[in-house]
């Protein structure tokens, strides 16, 4: 059964004092952060999933220095919310941090309390859309088939996550899905190749979610952060050349 938690949005400390160089204005009561507008110049969501979040901070810092401005920490990772709070407190305010693999209203509330700016699910549940609306946070539910995508979109969300795209045909599947749904903002994730990112964007994706192909082994104790930096710089250069 859906939860019946009381949902209120806690104050994000980063909204209290922002400097003039912060590209995101402080939130006004009753408004929702326009995540799609923020992503437009650099439409990449770097997704982090690991046994624990010990290296989420270091990985986020490398990605930020390379020019990537949006990261997603998954709820299946032990310590994900603590990592959200730490990154929000330590890295520049123009790094937007979201939480993914959301399945409950409680997870939504806890994520926002930790500092998350957006929420993502692999599934679509109407009560989660309603909860996100009450919290005033952008929320991307997951879908895969045309019927699922349209049902999710018509619930009033800013965009729909399409995942896993890679195993179902990658670009070919996304192109066929996009054709009859040209007005639906789609965010493909799951098994995407780094070299195909621009092709997804050219087909109309509003952003692309990347995990393993971008992050690699950076979230592991012996992970290669130098290799991560190279991949991230390559990706940013590819986007700049579009």
C-alpha atoms as a PDB file:
ATOM      1  CA  UNK A   1       0.000   0.000   0.000  1.00  0.00           C
ATOM      2  CA  UNK A   2       1.281   3.566  -0.664  1.00  0.00           C
ATOM      3  CA  UNK A   3       2.587   5.424   2.348  1.00  0.00           C
ATOM      4  CA  UNK A   4       0.603   8.201   3.973  1.00  0.00           C
ATOM      5  CA  UNK A   5       3.505  10.201   5.289  1.00  0.00           C
ATOM      6  CA  UNK A   6       3.082  13.926   5.951  1.00  0.00           C
ATOM      7  CA  UNK A   7       5.198  15.618   3.297  1.00  0.00           C
ATOM      8  CA  UNK A   8       6.788  19.011   3.804  1.00  0.00           C
ATOM      9  CA  UNK A   9       9.888  20.368   2.128  1.00  0.00           C
ATOM     10  CA  UNK A  10      12.699  21.262   4.564  1.00  0.00           C
ATOM     11  CA  UNK A  11      14.770  24.368   3.952  1.00  0.00           C
ATOM     12  CA  UNK A  12      17.852  23.739   1.865  1.00  0.00           C
ATOM     13  CA  UNK A  13      20.726  25.671   3.509  1.00  0.00           C
ATOM     14  CA  UNK A  14      22.115  26.432   0.051  1.00  0.00           C
ATOM     15  CA  UNK A  15      19.040  28.562  -0.607  1.00  0.00           C
ATOM     16  CA  UNK A  16      19.762  30.903   2.275  1.00  0.00           C
ATOM     17  CA  UNK A  17      22.942  32.519   1.035  1.00  0.00           C
ATOM     18  CA  UNK A  18      23.978  32.192  -2.590  1.00  0.00           C
ATOM     19  CA  UNK A  19      26.733  34.243  -4.127  1.00  0.00           C
ATOM     20  CA  UNK A  20      26.313  36.203  -7.332  1.00  0.00           C
ATOM     21  CA  UNK A  21      28.074  33.557  -9.423  1.00  0.00           C
ATOM     22  CA  UNK A  22      25.573  30.835  -8.522  1.00  0.00           C
ATOM     23  CA  UNK A  23      23.559  30.139 -11.716  1.00  0.00           C
ATOM     24  CA  UNK A  24      20.555  28.896  -9.728  1.00  0.00           C
ATOM     25  CA  UNK A  25      18.494  31.616  -8.025  1.00  0.00           C
ATOM     26  CA  UNK A  26      17.236  30.996  -4.523  1.00  0.00           C
ATOM     27  CA  UNK A  27      13.922  29.183  -4.586  1.00  0.00           C
ATOM     28  CA  UNK A  28      10.759  31.145  -4.124  1.00  0.00           C
ATOM     29  CA  UNK A  29       7.951  29.587  -2.175  1.00  0.00           C
ATOM     30  CA  UNK A  30       5.603  27.685  -4.460  1.00  0.00           C
ATOM     31  CA  UNK A  31       8.145  27.290  -7.291  1.00  0.00           C
ATOM     32  CA  UNK A  32       9.965  24.171  -8.459  1.00  0.00           C
ATOM     33  CA  UNK A  33      13.609  24.111  -9.555  1.00  0.00           C
ATOM     34  CA  UNK A  34      13.693  23.960 -13.376  1.00  0.00           C
ATOM     35  CA  UNK A  35      16.079  21.040 -13.703  1.00  0.00           C
ATOM     36  CA  UNK A  36      15.653  20.747 -17.475  1.00  0.00           C
ATOM     37  CA  UNK A  37      16.640  24.372 -17.993  1.00  0.00           C
ATOM     38  CA  UNK A  38      19.655  23.835 -15.758  1.00  0.00           C
ATOM     39  CA  UNK A  39      20.699  20.712 -17.667  1.00  0.00           C
ATOM     40  CA  UNK A  40      20.353  22.282 -21.123  1.00  0.00           C
ATOM     41  CA  UNK A  41      23.959  23.576 -21.408  1.00  0.00           C
ATOM     42  CA  UNK A  42      25.410  20.267 -20.170  1.00  0.00           C
ATOM     43  CA  UNK A  43      22.729  17.557 -20.497  1.00  0.00           C
ATOM     44  CA  UNK A  44      24.481  14.774 -18.581  1.00  0.00           C
ATOM     45  CA  UNK A  45      23.432  13.076 -15.354  1.00  0.00           C
ATOM     46  CA  UNK A  46      26.304  11.076 -13.878  1.00  0.00           C
ATOM     47  CA  UNK A  47      24.757   8.165 -11.979  1.00  0.00           C
ATOM     48  CA  UNK A  48      26.572   6.558  -9.067  1.00  0.00           C
ATOM     49  CA  UNK A  49      25.712   3.109  -7.752  1.00  0.00           C
ATOM     50  CA  UNK A  50      28.073   1.068  -5.601  1.00  0.00           C
ATOM     51  CA  UNK A  51      28.078  -1.139  -2.473  1.00  0.00           C
ATOM     52  CA  UNK A  52      28.788   1.986  -0.423  1.00  0.00           C
ATOM     53  CA  UNK A  53      29.186   5.719  -0.987  1.00  0.00           C
ATOM     54  CA  UNK A  54      32.731   6.029   0.333  1.00  0.00           C
ATOM     55  CA  UNK A  55      34.023   7.420  -2.953  1.00  0.00           C
ATOM     56  CA  UNK A  56      31.017   9.461  -4.079  1.00  0.00           C
ATOM     57  CA  UNK A  57      32.626  12.693  -2.904  1.00  0.00           C
ATOM     58  CA  UNK A  58      35.924  12.129  -4.718  1.00  0.00           C
ATOM     59  CA  UNK A  59      34.124  11.022  -7.882  1.00  0.00           C
ATOM     60  CA  UNK A  60      31.791  14.014  -7.787  1.00  0.00           C
ATOM     61  CA  UNK A  61      34.742  16.366  -7.422  1.00  0.00           C
ATOM     62  CA  UNK A  62      36.494  14.872 -10.448  1.00  0.00           C
ATOM     63  CA  UNK A  63      33.306  15.115 -12.520  1.00  0.00           C
ATOM     64  CA  UNK A  64      32.719  18.708 -11.454  1.00  0.00           C
ATOM     65  CA  UNK A  65      36.264  19.758 -12.352  1.00  0.00           C
ATOM     66  CA  UNK A  66      35.770  18.205 -15.790  1.00  0.00           C
ATOM     67  CA  UNK A  67      32.642  20.302 -16.369  1.00  0.00           C
ATOM     68  CA  UNK A  68      29.793  17.930 -15.443  1.00  0.00           C
ATOM     69  CA  UNK A  69      27.202  19.687 -13.305  1.00  0.00           C
ATOM     70  CA  UNK A  70      24.677  17.009 -12.365  1.00  0.00           C
ATOM     71  CA  UNK A  71      25.115  13.817 -10.347  1.00  0.00           C
ATOM     72  CA  UNK A  72      22.645  11.221  -9.104  1.00  0.00           C
ATOM     73  CA  UNK A  73      23.268   9.006  -6.086  1.00  0.00           C
ATOM     74  CA  UNK A  74      21.215   5.815  -5.956  1.00  0.00           C
ATOM     75  CA  UNK A  75      19.285   4.714  -2.872  1.00  0.00           C
ATOM     76  CA  UNK A  76      20.555   1.143  -3.273  1.00  0.00           C
ATOM     77  CA  UNK A  77      23.967   2.426  -2.134  1.00  0.00           C
ATOM     78  CA  UNK A  78      24.726   2.302   1.589  1.00  0.00           C
ATOM     79  CA  UNK A  79      25.381   5.837   2.803  1.00  0.00           C
ATOM     80  CA  UNK A  80      23.911   7.540  -0.277  1.00  0.00           C
ATOM     81  CA  UNK A  81      22.030  10.213   1.685  1.00  0.00           C
ATOM     82  CA  UNK A  82      25.010  11.004   3.869  1.00  0.00           C
ATOM     83  CA  UNK A  83      27.003  11.453   0.668  1.00  0.00           C
ATOM     84  CA  UNK A  84      24.346  13.824  -0.697  1.00  0.00           C
ATOM     85  CA  UNK A  85      24.629  15.994   2.418  1.00  0.00           C
ATOM     86  CA  UNK A  86      28.429  15.943   2.297  1.00  0.00           C
ATOM     87  CA  UNK A  87      28.656  16.854  -1.394  1.00  0.00           C
ATOM     88  CA  UNK A  88      26.084  19.627  -1.032  1.00  0.00           C
ATOM     89  CA  UNK A  89      28.036  21.067   1.882  1.00  0.00           C
ATOM     90  CA  UNK A  90      31.493  20.790   0.304  1.00  0.00           C
ATOM     91  CA  UNK A  91      31.309  21.234  -3.463  1.00  0.00           C
ATOM     92  CA  UNK A  92      30.188  24.351  -5.380  1.00  0.00           C
ATOM     93  CA  UNK A  93      26.466  25.105  -5.430  1.00  0.00           C
ATOM     94  CA  UNK A  94      26.249  24.771  -9.214  1.00  0.00           C
ATOM     95  CA  UNK A  95      26.759  21.030  -8.877  1.00  0.00           C
ATOM     96  CA  UNK A  96      23.200  19.702  -8.724  1.00  0.00           C
ATOM     97  CA  UNK A  97      22.785  16.519  -6.705  1.00  0.00           C
ATOM     98  CA  UNK A  98      19.825  14.183  -7.094  1.00  0.00           C
ATOM     99  CA  UNK A  99      18.797  10.838  -5.670  1.00  0.00           C
ATOM    100  CA  UNK A 100      17.775   7.875  -7.811  1.00  0.00           C
ATOM    101  CA  UNK A 101      16.144   4.458  -7.407  1.00  0.00           C
ATOM    102  CA  UNK A 102      13.421   6.095  -5.311  1.00  0.00           C
ATOM    103  CA  UNK A 103      10.626   3.685  -4.356  1.00  0.00           C
ATOM    104  CA  UNK A 104       8.871   5.237  -1.352  1.00  0.00           C
ATOM    105  CA  UNK A 105       7.595   8.578  -0.114  1.00  0.00           C
ATOM    106  CA  UNK A 106       9.850   8.292   2.915  1.00  0.00           C
ATOM    107  CA  UNK A 107      12.878   8.010   0.651  1.00  0.00           C
ATOM    108  CA  UNK A 108      11.712  11.149  -1.114  1.00  0.00           C
ATOM    109  CA  UNK A 109      11.445  13.134   2.090  1.00  0.00           C
ATOM    110  CA  UNK A 110      14.789  11.885   3.399  1.00  0.00           C
ATOM    111  CA  UNK A 111      16.492  12.688   0.103  1.00  0.00           C
ATOM    112  CA  UNK A 112      15.207  16.257   0.084  1.00  0.00           C
ATOM    113  CA  UNK A 113      16.210  16.682   3.710  1.00  0.00           C
ATOM    114  CA  UNK A 114      19.736  15.579   2.783  1.00  0.00           C
ATOM    115  CA  UNK A 115      19.850  18.253   0.041  1.00  0.00           C
ATOM    116  CA  UNK A 116      18.740  16.492  -3.146  1.00  0.00           C
ATOM    117  CA  UNK A 117      17.558  18.838  -5.915  1.00  0.00           C
ATOM    118  CA  UNK A 118      15.740  16.193  -7.981  1.00  0.00           C
ATOM    119  CA  UNK A 119      14.513  12.616  -7.639  1.00  0.00           C
ATOM    120  CA  UNK A 120      14.482   9.674 -10.050  1.00  0.00           C
ATOM    121  CA  UNK A 121      12.846   6.241 -10.086  1.00  0.00           C
ATOM    122  CA  UNK A 122      13.199   3.160 -12.221  1.00  0.00           C
ATOM    123  CA  UNK A 123       9.427   2.735 -11.903  1.00  0.00           C
ATOM    124  CA  UNK A 124       6.235   4.757 -12.230  1.00  0.00           C
ATOM    125  CA  UNK A 125       3.860   4.994  -9.273  1.00  0.00           C
ATOM    126  CA  UNK A 126       1.202   7.760  -9.242  1.00  0.00           C
ATOM    127  CA  UNK A 127       1.474   8.258  -5.489  1.00  0.00           C
ATOM    128  CA  UNK A 128       5.185   9.078  -5.867  1.00  0.00           C
ATOM    129  CA  UNK A 129       4.390  11.740  -8.472  1.00  0.00           C
ATOM    130  CA  UNK A 130       1.877  13.249  -6.059  1.00  0.00           C
ATOM    131  CA  UNK A 131       4.412  13.160  -3.227  1.00  0.00           C
ATOM    132  CA  UNK A 132       7.049  14.907  -5.357  1.00  0.00           C
ATOM    133  CA  UNK A 133       4.514  17.602  -6.241  1.00  0.00           C
ATOM    134  CA  UNK A 134       3.751  18.177  -2.572  1.00  0.00           C
ATOM    135  CA  UNK A 135       7.467  18.384  -1.827  1.00  0.00           C
ATOM    136  CA  UNK A 136       8.009  20.812  -4.707  1.00  0.00           C
ATOM    137  CA  UNK A 137      10.844  18.781  -6.236  1.00  0.00           C
ATOM    138  CA  UNK A 138      11.418  17.706  -9.864  1.00  0.00           C
ATOM    139  CA  UNK A 139      10.809  13.984 -10.241  1.00  0.00           C
ATOM    140  CA  UNK A 140      11.609  11.683 -13.165  1.00  0.00           C
ATOM    141  CA  UNK A 141       9.743   8.358 -13.009  1.00  0.00           C
ATOM    142  CA  UNK A 142      10.961   5.413 -15.047  1.00  0.00           C
ATOM    143  CA  UNK A 143       9.246   3.773 -18.013  1.00  0.00           C
ATOM    144  CA  UNK A 144      10.172   1.691 -21.023  1.00  0.00           C
ATOM    145  CA  UNK A 145       7.298   0.991 -23.437  1.00  0.00           C
ATOM    146  CA  UNK A 146       5.322   3.692 -25.286  1.00  0.00           C
ATOM    147  CA  UNK A 147       2.269   3.102 -23.084  1.00  0.00           C
ATOM    148  CA  UNK A 148       4.348   3.331 -19.894  1.00  0.00           C
ATOM    149  CA  UNK A 149       6.115   6.471 -21.094  1.00  0.00           C
ATOM    150  CA  UNK A 150       2.908   8.276 -22.038  1.00  0.00           C
ATOM    151  CA  UNK A 151       1.179   7.260 -18.806  1.00  0.00           C
ATOM    152  CA  UNK A 152       4.072   8.620 -16.774  1.00  0.00           C
ATOM    153  CA  UNK A 153       4.279  11.842 -18.823  1.00  0.00           C
ATOM    154  CA  UNK A 154       0.567  12.541 -18.493  1.00  0.00           C
ATOM    155  CA  UNK A 155       0.902  12.404 -14.692  1.00  0.00           C
ATOM    156  CA  UNK A 156       2.522  15.848 -14.854  1.00  0.00           C
ATOM    157  CA  UNK A 157       6.259  15.153 -14.479  1.00  0.00           C
ATOM    158  CA  UNK A 158       8.920  17.305 -16.216  1.00  0.00           C
ATOM    159  CA  UNK A 159      10.419  14.326 -18.081  1.00  0.00           C
ATOM    160  CA  UNK A 160      10.388  10.539 -18.143  1.00  0.00           C
ATOM    161  CA  UNK A 161      13.405   8.344 -17.569  1.00  0.00           C
ATOM    162  CA  UNK A 162      13.623   5.576 -20.199  1.00  0.00           C
ATOM    163  CA  UNK A 163      15.610   2.639 -18.839  1.00  0.00           C
ATOM    164  CA  UNK A 164      17.285   0.322 -19.539  1.00  0.00           C
ATOM    165  CA  UNK A 165      17.657   1.488 -23.123  1.00  0.00           C
ATOM    166  CA  UNK A 166      20.922  -0.277 -23.978  1.00  0.00           C
ATOM    167  CA  UNK A 167      19.786  -3.917 -23.686  1.00  0.00           C
ATOM    168  CA  UNK A 168      16.655  -3.195 -25.757  1.00  0.00           C
ATOM    169  CA  UNK A 169      18.512  -1.865 -28.766  1.00  0.00           C
ATOM    170  CA  UNK A 170      20.120   1.370 -27.622  1.00  0.00           C
ATOM    171  CA  UNK A 171      19.836   4.130 -30.198  1.00  0.00           C
ATOM    172  CA  UNK A 172      17.617   2.076 -32.490  1.00  0.00           C
ATOM    173  CA  UNK A 173      15.076   1.479 -29.747  1.00  0.00           C
ATOM    174  CA  UNK A 174      15.191   5.083 -28.562  1.00  0.00           C
ATOM    175  CA  UNK A 175      14.641   6.381 -32.100  1.00  0.00           C
ATOM    176  CA  UNK A 176      11.603   4.151 -32.563  1.00  0.00           C
ATOM    177  CA  UNK A 177      10.223   5.180 -29.167  1.00  0.00           C
ATOM    178  CA  UNK A 178      10.831   8.866 -29.790  1.00  0.00           C
ATOM    179  CA  UNK A 179       9.162   8.911 -33.216  1.00  0.00           C
ATOM    180  CA  UNK A 180       5.513   8.628 -32.073  1.00  0.00           C
ATOM    181  CA  UNK A 181       6.150  10.598 -28.875  1.00  0.00           C
ATOM    182  CA  UNK A 182       8.006  13.715 -30.104  1.00  0.00           C
ATOM    183  CA  UNK A 183       6.455  15.983 -27.467  1.00  0.00           C
ATOM    184  CA  UNK A 184       7.471  13.881 -24.457  1.00  0.00           C
ATOM    185  CA  UNK A 185      10.768  14.891 -22.784  1.00  0.00           C
ATOM    186  CA  UNK A 186      12.815  11.703 -22.441  1.00  0.00           C
ATOM    187  CA  UNK A 187      15.944  10.939 -20.428  1.00  0.00           C
ATOM    188  CA  UNK A 188      17.504   7.667 -21.620  1.00  0.00           C
ATOM    189  CA  UNK A 189      19.690   5.682 -19.229  1.00  0.00           C
ATOM    190  CA  UNK A 190      20.878   2.132 -18.718  1.00  0.00           C
ATOM    191  CA  UNK A 191      23.620   0.561 -20.810  1.00  0.00           C
ATOM    192  CA  UNK A 192      24.360   3.610 -22.956  1.00  0.00           C
ATOM    193  CA  UNK A 193      27.735   3.916 -24.661  1.00  0.00           C
ATOM    194  CA  UNK A 194      29.752   7.044 -24.024  1.00  0.00           C
ATOM    195  CA  UNK A 195      30.321   7.573 -27.744  1.00  0.00           C
ATOM    196  CA  UNK A 196      26.565   7.519 -28.411  1.00  0.00           C
ATOM    197  CA  UNK A 197      25.627  10.366 -26.053  1.00  0.00           C
ATOM    198  CA  UNK A 198      25.485  13.045 -28.740  1.00  0.00           C
ATOM    199  CA  UNK A 199      23.422  10.765 -30.971  1.00  0.00           C
ATOM    200  CA  UNK A 200      20.809  10.360 -28.217  1.00  0.00           C
ATOM    201  CA  UNK A 201      20.700  14.128 -27.794  1.00  0.00           C
ATOM    202  CA  UNK A 202      20.381  14.609 -31.558  1.00  0.00           C
ATOM    203  CA  UNK A 203      17.393  12.245 -31.478  1.00  0.00           C
ATOM    204  CA  UNK A 204      15.715  14.538 -28.964  1.00  0.00           C
ATOM    205  CA  UNK A 205      16.733  13.337 -25.506  1.00  0.00           C
ATOM    206  CA  UNK A 206      16.568  16.224 -23.012  1.00  0.00           C
ATOM    207  CA  UNK A 207      19.526  14.701 -21.144  1.00  0.00           C
ATOM    208  CA  UNK A 208      21.369  11.400 -20.884  1.00  0.00           C
ATOM    209  CA  UNK A 209      22.061   9.384 -17.745  1.00  0.00           C
ATOM    210  CA  UNK A 210      25.437   7.628 -17.580  1.00  0.00           C
ATOM    211  CA  UNK A 211      26.716   5.231 -14.955  1.00  0.00           C
ATOM    212  CA  UNK A 212      29.330   2.544 -15.659  1.00  0.00           C
ATOM    213  CA  UNK A 213      30.550   3.791 -19.054  1.00  0.00           C
ATOM    214  CA  UNK A 214      31.391   7.149 -17.475  1.00  0.00           C
ATOM    215  CA  UNK A 215      32.104   6.363 -13.826  1.00  0.00           C
ATOM    216  CA  UNK A 216      33.999   3.134 -14.470  1.00  0.00           C
ATOM    217  CA  UNK A 217      35.744   1.784 -11.369  1.00  0.00           C
ATOM    218  CA  UNK A 218      36.022   5.176  -9.664  1.00  0.00           C
ATOM    219  CA  UNK A 219      33.613   4.165  -6.869  1.00  0.00           C
ATOM    220  CA  UNK A 220      35.782   1.227  -5.793  1.00  0.00           C
ATOM    221  CA  UNK A 221      38.677   1.375  -3.285  1.00  0.00           C
ATOM    222  CA  UNK A 222      41.320   0.985  -6.009  1.00  0.00           C
ATOM    223  CA  UNK A 223      39.409   2.970  -8.610  1.00  0.00           C
ATOM    224  CA  UNK A 224      41.240   5.024 -11.213  1.00  0.00           C
ATOM    225  CA  UNK A 225      40.196   8.659 -10.775  1.00  0.00           C
ATOM    226  CA  UNK A 226      42.639   9.727 -13.465  1.00  0.00           C
ATOM    227  CA  UNK A 227      40.857   7.547 -16.016  1.00  0.00           C
ATOM    228  CA  UNK A 228      37.531   8.958 -14.817  1.00  0.00           C
ATOM    229  CA  UNK A 229      38.818  12.488 -15.408  1.00  0.00           C
ATOM    230  CA  UNK A 230      39.881  11.534 -18.946  1.00  0.00           C
ATOM    231  CA  UNK A 231      36.465  10.074 -19.775  1.00  0.00           C
ATOM    232  CA  UNK A 232      34.659  13.053 -18.282  1.00  0.00           C
ATOM    233  CA  UNK A 233      36.788  15.570 -20.178  1.00  0.00           C
ATOM    234  CA  UNK A 234      36.258  13.605 -23.402  1.00  0.00           C
ATOM    235  CA  UNK A 235      32.505  13.674 -22.847  1.00  0.00           C
ATOM    236  CA  UNK A 236      32.438  17.408 -22.122  1.00  0.00           C
ATOM    237  CA  UNK A 237      34.543  18.055 -25.232  1.00  0.00           C
ATOM    238  CA  UNK A 238      32.127  15.963 -27.327  1.00  0.00           C
ATOM    239  CA  UNK A 239      29.195  17.980 -26.069  1.00  0.00           C
ATOM    240  CA  UNK A 240      31.022  21.227 -26.753  1.00  0.00           C
ATOM    241  CA  UNK A 241      31.627  20.188 -30.344  1.00  0.00           C
ATOM    242  CA  UNK A 242      27.918  19.544 -31.092  1.00  0.00           C
END
